[in-house]
């Protein structure tokens, strides 16, 4: 499954907690790169089984919880993030970079879109506490 057919130039805006953002009493909409950031952030929160008819579709980063932090797991996550973005087919491969490092029990991943810190998604996988996403 690919989100290409679902991806438009705009989507509903959610805050970092997954709540719908309101603007002047209406649902706020994001456009262009903001829509892509929103789509990626939403996808990174998914797990296998979240999609009723596609039970094996989802980012499933929860599978890293409980694993020992190592250079290999950091590389595995970087490769998985890159593969997931490619699988979604909403960005050309040359338009993003994925970086990661380990700090204690946490693997910190930065996804930089269009070579700009203004368009960065932060994916933190704490192998004890869980996953957080920011941008």
N, C-alpha and C. Protein backbone atom coordinates (compact mmCIF):
# COMPACT_ATOMS: atom_id res chain seq x y z
N UNK A 1 0.84 -1.17 0.00
CA UNK A 1 0.00 0.00 0.00
C UNK A 1 0.89 1.24 0.00
N UNK A 2 0.49 2.23 -0.74
CA UNK A 2 1.21 3.50 -0.78
C UNK A 2 0.24 4.62 -0.47
N UNK A 3 0.74 5.66 0.18
CA UNK A 3 -0.10 6.81 0.48
C UNK A 3 -0.15 7.79 -0.69
N UNK A 4 0.51 7.48 -1.82
CA UNK A 4 0.53 8.41 -2.94
C UNK A 4 -0.86 8.83 -3.33
N UNK A 5 -1.78 7.89 -3.42
CA UNK A 5 -3.14 8.23 -3.83
C UNK A 5 -3.87 9.04 -2.77
N UNK A 6 -3.42 8.99 -1.52
CA UNK A 6 -4.06 9.73 -0.45
C UNK A 6 -3.43 11.11 -0.24
N UNK A 7 -2.18 11.27 -0.68
CA UNK A 7 -1.44 12.48 -0.43
C UNK A 7 -1.94 13.61 -1.32
N UNK A 8 -2.25 14.71 -0.71
CA UNK A 8 -2.62 15.91 -1.44
C UNK A 8 -1.69 17.02 -1.00
N UNK A 9 -1.90 18.18 -1.49
CA UNK A 9 -1.10 19.33 -1.10
C UNK A 9 -1.55 19.90 0.24
N UNK A 10 -2.62 19.36 0.81
CA UNK A 10 -3.09 19.86 2.09
C UNK A 10 -3.69 18.72 2.91
N UNK A 11 -3.69 18.93 4.22
CA UNK A 11 -4.26 17.96 5.14
C UNK A 11 -4.65 18.69 6.43
N UNK A 12 -5.40 18.04 7.27
CA UNK A 12 -5.77 18.61 8.57
C UNK A 12 -4.53 18.70 9.44
N UNK A 13 -4.38 19.80 10.18
CA UNK A 13 -3.22 19.96 11.05
C UNK A 13 -3.51 19.37 12.43
N UNK A 14 -2.52 18.62 12.93
CA UNK A 14 -2.56 18.08 14.28
C UNK A 14 -1.38 18.64 15.05
N UNK A 15 -1.53 18.80 16.37
CA UNK A 15 -0.38 19.23 17.16
C UNK A 15 0.47 18.00 17.49
N UNK A 16 1.56 18.21 18.23
CA UNK A 16 2.48 17.11 18.51
C UNK A 16 1.87 16.04 19.41
N UNK A 17 0.70 16.32 20.02
CA UNK A 17 0.02 15.33 20.84
C UNK A 17 -1.04 14.56 20.05
N UNK A 18 -1.20 14.91 18.75
CA UNK A 18 -2.18 14.23 17.92
C UNK A 18 -3.56 14.84 17.96
N UNK A 19 -3.69 16.01 18.57
CA UNK A 19 -4.99 16.69 18.65
C UNK A 19 -5.18 17.60 17.43
N UNK A 20 -6.40 17.71 16.96
CA UNK A 20 -6.72 18.59 15.84
C UNK A 20 -6.55 20.04 16.29
N UNK A 21 -5.89 20.82 15.43
CA UNK A 21 -5.65 22.24 15.73
C UNK A 21 -6.82 23.05 15.16
N UNK A 22 -7.35 23.96 15.99
CA UNK A 22 -8.42 24.85 15.56
C UNK A 22 -7.85 26.25 15.34
N UNK A 23 -8.40 26.93 14.34
CA UNK A 23 -8.01 28.31 14.06
C UNK A 23 -9.28 29.11 13.81
N UNK A 24 -9.57 30.05 14.70
CA UNK A 24 -10.77 30.87 14.61
C UNK A 24 -12.04 30.01 14.54
N UNK A 25 -12.05 28.94 15.31
CA UNK A 25 -13.23 28.08 15.38
C UNK A 25 -13.35 27.04 14.28
N UNK A 26 -12.41 27.03 13.35
CA UNK A 26 -12.43 26.05 12.26
C UNK A 26 -11.24 25.11 12.36
N UNK A 27 -11.36 23.95 11.73
CA UNK A 27 -10.24 23.02 11.68
C UNK A 27 -9.15 23.63 10.81
N UNK A 28 -7.93 23.68 11.35
CA UNK A 28 -6.81 24.26 10.62
C UNK A 28 -6.27 23.26 9.60
N UNK A 29 -5.90 23.76 8.44
CA UNK A 29 -5.37 22.94 7.36
C UNK A 29 -3.93 23.36 7.10
N UNK A 30 -3.06 22.39 6.85
CA UNK A 30 -1.68 22.68 6.47
C UNK A 30 -1.51 22.35 4.99
N UNK A 31 -0.58 23.04 4.35
CA UNK A 31 -0.39 22.85 2.91
C UNK A 31 1.07 22.56 2.59
N UNK A 32 1.29 21.98 1.42
CA UNK A 32 2.61 21.75 0.83
C UNK A 32 3.52 20.97 1.77
N UNK A 33 4.70 21.51 2.12
CA UNK A 33 5.65 20.78 2.96
C UNK A 33 5.06 20.52 4.34
N UNK A 34 4.23 21.42 4.84
CA UNK A 34 3.58 21.19 6.13
C UNK A 34 2.70 19.95 6.09
N UNK A 35 2.02 19.73 4.96
CA UNK A 35 1.18 18.54 4.81
C UNK A 35 2.04 17.28 4.81
N UNK A 36 3.20 17.34 4.16
CA UNK A 36 4.08 16.17 4.11
C UNK A 36 4.63 15.87 5.51
N UNK A 37 5.02 16.91 6.24
CA UNK A 37 5.50 16.70 7.62
C UNK A 37 4.40 16.06 8.46
N UNK A 38 3.17 16.53 8.29
CA UNK A 38 2.04 15.98 9.05
C UNK A 38 1.81 14.51 8.69
N UNK A 39 1.85 14.18 7.41
CA UNK A 39 1.63 12.80 6.96
C UNK A 39 2.72 11.88 7.52
N UNK A 40 3.98 12.32 7.44
CA UNK A 40 5.07 11.50 7.97
C UNK A 40 4.95 11.33 9.49
N UNK A 41 4.67 12.42 10.19
CA UNK A 41 4.53 12.34 11.65
C UNK A 41 3.41 11.39 12.05
N UNK A 42 2.29 11.48 11.34
CA UNK A 42 1.16 10.58 11.63
C UNK A 42 1.55 9.13 11.36
N UNK A 43 2.24 8.89 10.25
CA UNK A 43 2.65 7.53 9.92
C UNK A 43 3.62 6.97 10.96
N UNK A 44 4.59 7.79 11.40
CA UNK A 44 5.58 7.31 12.37
C UNK A 44 4.93 6.87 13.67
N UNK A 45 3.74 7.33 13.98
CA UNK A 45 3.02 6.94 15.20
C UNK A 45 2.28 5.61 15.06
N UNK A 46 2.18 5.08 13.85
CA UNK A 46 1.37 3.88 13.62
C UNK A 46 2.13 2.61 13.96
N UNK A 47 1.36 1.58 14.23
CA UNK A 47 1.90 0.24 14.50
C UNK A 47 1.16 -0.78 13.66
N UNK A 48 1.75 -1.94 13.53
CA UNK A 48 1.06 -3.02 12.81
C UNK A 48 -0.28 -3.25 13.50
N UNK A 49 -1.31 -3.41 12.72
CA UNK A 49 -2.64 -3.66 13.25
C UNK A 49 -3.49 -2.40 13.36
N UNK A 50 -2.89 -1.22 13.18
CA UNK A 50 -3.65 0.03 13.26
C UNK A 50 -4.59 0.20 12.06
N UNK A 51 -4.23 -0.35 10.93
CA UNK A 51 -5.06 -0.25 9.73
C UNK A 51 -5.84 -1.56 9.58
N UNK A 52 -7.14 -1.48 9.71
CA UNK A 52 -7.99 -2.65 9.76
C UNK A 52 -7.76 -3.62 8.60
N UNK A 53 -7.69 -3.11 7.38
CA UNK A 53 -7.57 -3.99 6.23
C UNK A 53 -6.12 -4.21 5.77
N UNK A 54 -5.18 -3.56 6.45
CA UNK A 54 -3.76 -3.72 6.14
C UNK A 54 -3.01 -3.96 7.45
N UNK A 55 -3.19 -5.12 8.04
CA UNK A 55 -2.69 -5.37 9.38
C UNK A 55 -1.16 -5.34 9.48
N UNK A 56 -0.45 -5.53 8.38
CA UNK A 56 1.01 -5.49 8.41
C UNK A 56 1.56 -4.15 7.93
N UNK A 57 0.69 -3.14 7.83
CA UNK A 57 1.11 -1.81 7.40
C UNK A 57 1.21 -0.90 8.62
N UNK A 58 2.27 -0.15 8.71
CA UNK A 58 2.49 0.78 9.81
C UNK A 58 3.97 0.89 10.08
N UNK A 59 4.37 1.93 10.77
CA UNK A 59 5.80 2.13 11.06
C UNK A 59 6.32 1.09 12.05
N UNK A 60 5.52 0.82 13.07
CA UNK A 60 5.84 -0.22 14.07
C UNK A 60 7.16 0.01 14.80
N UNK A 61 7.46 1.27 15.14
CA UNK A 61 8.68 1.56 15.89
C UNK A 61 8.60 1.08 17.33
N UNK A 62 7.41 0.74 17.80
CA UNK A 62 7.28 0.16 19.14
C UNK A 62 8.06 -1.14 19.26
N UNK A 63 8.37 -1.78 18.14
CA UNK A 63 9.11 -3.04 18.19
C UNK A 63 10.53 -2.85 18.74
N UNK A 64 11.03 -1.60 18.78
CA UNK A 64 12.36 -1.34 19.31
C UNK A 64 12.36 -1.13 20.82
N UNK A 65 11.18 -0.98 21.41
CA UNK A 65 11.09 -0.79 22.86
C UNK A 65 11.51 -2.10 23.55
N UNK A 66 12.36 -1.97 24.54
CA UNK A 66 12.84 -3.13 25.27
C UNK A 66 14.15 -3.69 24.74
N UNK A 67 14.60 -3.22 23.59
CA UNK A 67 15.86 -3.70 23.03
C UNK A 67 17.03 -2.90 23.60
N UNK A 68 18.18 -3.51 23.65
CA UNK A 68 19.39 -2.83 24.12
C UNK A 68 19.84 -1.83 23.06
N UNK A 69 20.24 -0.65 23.51
CA UNK A 69 20.70 0.39 22.60
C UNK A 69 22.13 0.06 22.16
N UNK A 70 22.34 0.08 20.85
CA UNK A 70 23.66 -0.19 20.28
C UNK A 70 23.79 0.57 18.97
N UNK A 71 25.01 0.60 18.45
CA UNK A 71 25.24 1.24 17.15
C UNK A 71 24.42 0.53 16.07
N UNK A 72 24.30 -0.79 16.17
CA UNK A 72 23.54 -1.55 15.18
C UNK A 72 22.06 -1.19 15.18
N UNK A 73 21.46 -1.05 16.37
CA UNK A 73 20.04 -0.70 16.42
C UNK A 73 19.81 0.71 15.88
N UNK A 74 20.75 1.63 16.13
CA UNK A 74 20.64 2.99 15.57
C UNK A 74 20.65 2.90 14.04
N UNK A 75 21.58 2.14 13.49
CA UNK A 75 21.63 1.97 12.03
C UNK A 75 20.38 1.30 11.49
N UNK A 76 19.86 0.31 12.22
CA UNK A 76 18.62 -0.36 11.79
C UNK A 76 17.45 0.62 11.74
N UNK A 77 17.37 1.49 12.74
CA UNK A 77 16.27 2.47 12.77
C UNK A 77 16.43 3.50 11.66
N UNK A 78 17.65 3.98 11.45
CA UNK A 78 17.89 4.93 10.35
C UNK A 78 17.47 4.31 9.02
N UNK A 79 17.87 3.07 8.80
CA UNK A 79 17.50 2.39 7.55
C UNK A 79 15.99 2.18 7.45
N UNK A 80 15.34 1.85 8.57
CA UNK A 80 13.89 1.64 8.56
C UNK A 80 13.15 2.94 8.26
N UNK A 81 13.58 4.05 8.87
CA UNK A 81 12.95 5.34 8.60
C UNK A 81 13.09 5.69 7.12
N UNK A 82 14.28 5.54 6.58
CA UNK A 82 14.51 5.83 5.15
C UNK A 82 13.64 4.95 4.26
N UNK A 83 13.57 3.67 4.59
CA UNK A 83 12.74 2.73 3.82
C UNK A 83 11.26 3.08 3.93
N UNK A 84 10.81 3.45 5.13
CA UNK A 84 9.41 3.81 5.33
C UNK A 84 9.03 5.04 4.51
N UNK A 85 9.89 6.06 4.51
CA UNK A 85 9.60 7.27 3.72
C UNK A 85 9.53 6.92 2.24
N UNK A 86 10.46 6.10 1.80
CA UNK A 86 10.46 5.68 0.39
C UNK A 86 9.18 4.90 0.07
N UNK A 87 8.77 4.02 0.98
CA UNK A 87 7.57 3.20 0.79
C UNK A 87 6.31 4.06 0.67
N UNK A 88 6.26 5.16 1.43
CA UNK A 88 5.09 6.04 1.36
C UNK A 88 5.01 6.76 0.02
N UNK A 89 6.14 6.92 -0.64
CA UNK A 89 6.19 7.48 -2.00
C UNK A 89 5.57 8.89 -2.06
N UNK A 90 5.96 9.74 -1.10
CA UNK A 90 5.45 11.12 -1.13
C UNK A 90 6.58 12.14 -1.28
N UNK A 91 7.83 11.67 -1.24
CA UNK A 91 8.99 12.55 -1.38
C UNK A 91 10.04 11.89 -2.25
N UNK A 92 10.69 12.65 -3.12
CA UNK A 92 11.84 12.09 -3.84
C UNK A 92 12.95 11.76 -2.85
N UNK A 93 13.69 10.70 -3.09
CA UNK A 93 14.71 10.24 -2.15
C UNK A 93 15.79 11.29 -1.88
N UNK A 94 16.06 12.14 -2.85
CA UNK A 94 17.11 13.15 -2.66
C UNK A 94 16.62 14.36 -1.86
N UNK A 95 15.37 14.38 -1.46
CA UNK A 95 14.83 15.55 -0.76
C UNK A 95 14.80 15.39 0.77
N UNK A 96 15.39 14.32 1.30
CA UNK A 96 15.43 14.16 2.75
C UNK A 96 16.68 13.40 3.16
N UNK A 97 17.09 13.63 4.40
CA UNK A 97 18.23 12.93 5.01
C UNK A 97 17.79 12.45 6.38
N UNK A 98 18.29 11.30 6.79
CA UNK A 98 17.95 10.73 8.10
C UNK A 98 19.24 10.53 8.89
N UNK A 99 19.27 11.07 10.09
CA UNK A 99 20.43 10.96 10.98
C UNK A 99 19.96 10.39 12.31
N UNK A 100 20.85 9.68 13.00
CA UNK A 100 20.49 9.14 14.30
C UNK A 100 21.68 8.98 15.20
N UNK A 101 21.42 9.00 16.50
CA UNK A 101 22.45 8.74 17.50
C UNK A 101 21.79 8.19 18.75
N UNK A 102 22.61 7.54 19.55
CA UNK A 102 22.12 6.96 20.80
C UNK A 102 22.58 7.83 21.97
N UNK A 103 21.70 7.99 22.93
CA UNK A 103 22.02 8.73 24.15
C UNK A 103 21.30 8.03 25.31
N UNK A 104 22.05 7.28 26.08
CA UNK A 104 21.45 6.50 27.16
C UNK A 104 20.51 5.44 26.61
N UNK A 105 19.24 5.46 27.04
CA UNK A 105 18.25 4.50 26.55
C UNK A 105 17.48 5.01 25.33
N UNK A 106 17.90 6.16 24.81
CA UNK A 106 17.14 6.79 23.73
C UNK A 106 17.90 6.82 22.42
N UNK A 107 17.20 6.51 21.36
CA UNK A 107 17.72 6.68 20.01
C UNK A 107 17.04 7.92 19.45
N UNK A 108 17.84 8.93 19.13
CA UNK A 108 17.31 10.18 18.59
C UNK A 108 17.53 10.20 17.09
N UNK A 109 16.43 10.38 16.36
CA UNK A 109 16.49 10.39 14.90
C UNK A 109 16.00 11.74 14.41
N UNK A 110 16.74 12.33 13.48
CA UNK A 110 16.33 13.58 12.83
C UNK A 110 16.09 13.28 11.35
N UNK A 111 14.93 13.68 10.87
CA UNK A 111 14.60 13.56 9.46
C UNK A 111 14.53 14.99 8.93
N UNK A 112 15.50 15.37 8.13
CA UNK A 112 15.58 16.73 7.60
C UNK A 112 15.06 16.71 6.17
N UNK A 113 14.01 17.50 5.95
CA UNK A 113 13.39 17.58 4.63
C UNK A 113 13.88 18.82 3.91
N UNK A 114 14.13 18.69 2.64
CA UNK A 114 14.54 19.80 1.78
C UNK A 114 15.77 20.53 2.32
N UNK A 115 16.66 19.79 3.00
CA UNK A 115 17.90 20.32 3.54
C UNK A 115 17.70 21.59 4.36
N UNK A 116 16.66 21.60 5.17
CA UNK A 116 16.36 22.79 5.97
C UNK A 116 15.96 22.37 7.38
N UNK A 117 16.60 23.00 8.39
CA UNK A 117 16.22 22.73 9.78
C UNK A 117 14.80 23.18 10.06
N UNK A 118 14.26 24.06 9.20
CA UNK A 118 12.87 24.48 9.37
C UNK A 118 11.90 23.34 9.11
N UNK A 119 12.33 22.33 8.37
CA UNK A 119 11.49 21.19 8.02
C UNK A 119 12.12 19.92 8.56
N UNK A 120 12.15 19.81 9.88
CA UNK A 120 12.78 18.66 10.53
C UNK A 120 11.77 17.95 11.41
N UNK A 121 11.79 16.63 11.35
CA UNK A 121 10.97 15.80 12.23
C UNK A 121 11.93 15.12 13.21
N UNK A 122 11.58 15.16 14.48
CA UNK A 122 12.38 14.52 15.52
C UNK A 122 11.65 13.28 16.01
N UNK A 123 12.27 12.14 15.84
CA UNK A 123 11.71 10.87 16.29
C UNK A 123 12.62 10.34 17.39
N UNK A 124 12.11 10.26 18.61
CA UNK A 124 12.87 9.76 19.74
C UNK A 124 12.28 8.44 20.20
N UNK A 125 13.11 7.43 20.19
CA UNK A 125 12.68 6.11 20.63
C UNK A 125 13.41 5.79 21.92
N UNK A 126 12.69 5.90 23.02
CA UNK A 126 13.23 5.54 24.33
C UNK A 126 12.89 4.07 24.53
N UNK A 127 13.90 3.24 24.64
CA UNK A 127 13.67 1.79 24.70
C UNK A 127 12.99 1.35 25.99
N UNK A 128 12.78 2.28 26.91
CA UNK A 128 12.06 1.97 28.15
C UNK A 128 10.69 2.65 28.17
N UNK A 129 10.65 3.94 27.84
CA UNK A 129 9.42 4.73 27.97
C UNK A 129 8.55 4.74 26.72
N UNK A 130 9.12 4.62 25.54
CA UNK A 130 8.31 4.64 24.32
C UNK A 130 8.79 5.68 23.32
N UNK A 131 7.90 6.09 22.46
CA UNK A 131 8.22 6.91 21.31
C UNK A 131 7.61 8.30 21.44
N UNK A 132 8.38 9.31 21.03
CA UNK A 132 7.84 10.66 20.93
C UNK A 132 8.26 11.25 19.59
N UNK A 133 7.40 12.11 19.06
CA UNK A 133 7.65 12.73 17.76
C UNK A 133 7.40 14.21 17.89
N UNK A 134 8.28 14.98 17.31
CA UNK A 134 8.12 16.44 17.29
C UNK A 134 8.59 16.99 15.96
N UNK A 135 8.28 18.23 15.73
CA UNK A 135 8.74 18.91 14.51
C UNK A 135 8.75 20.39 14.73
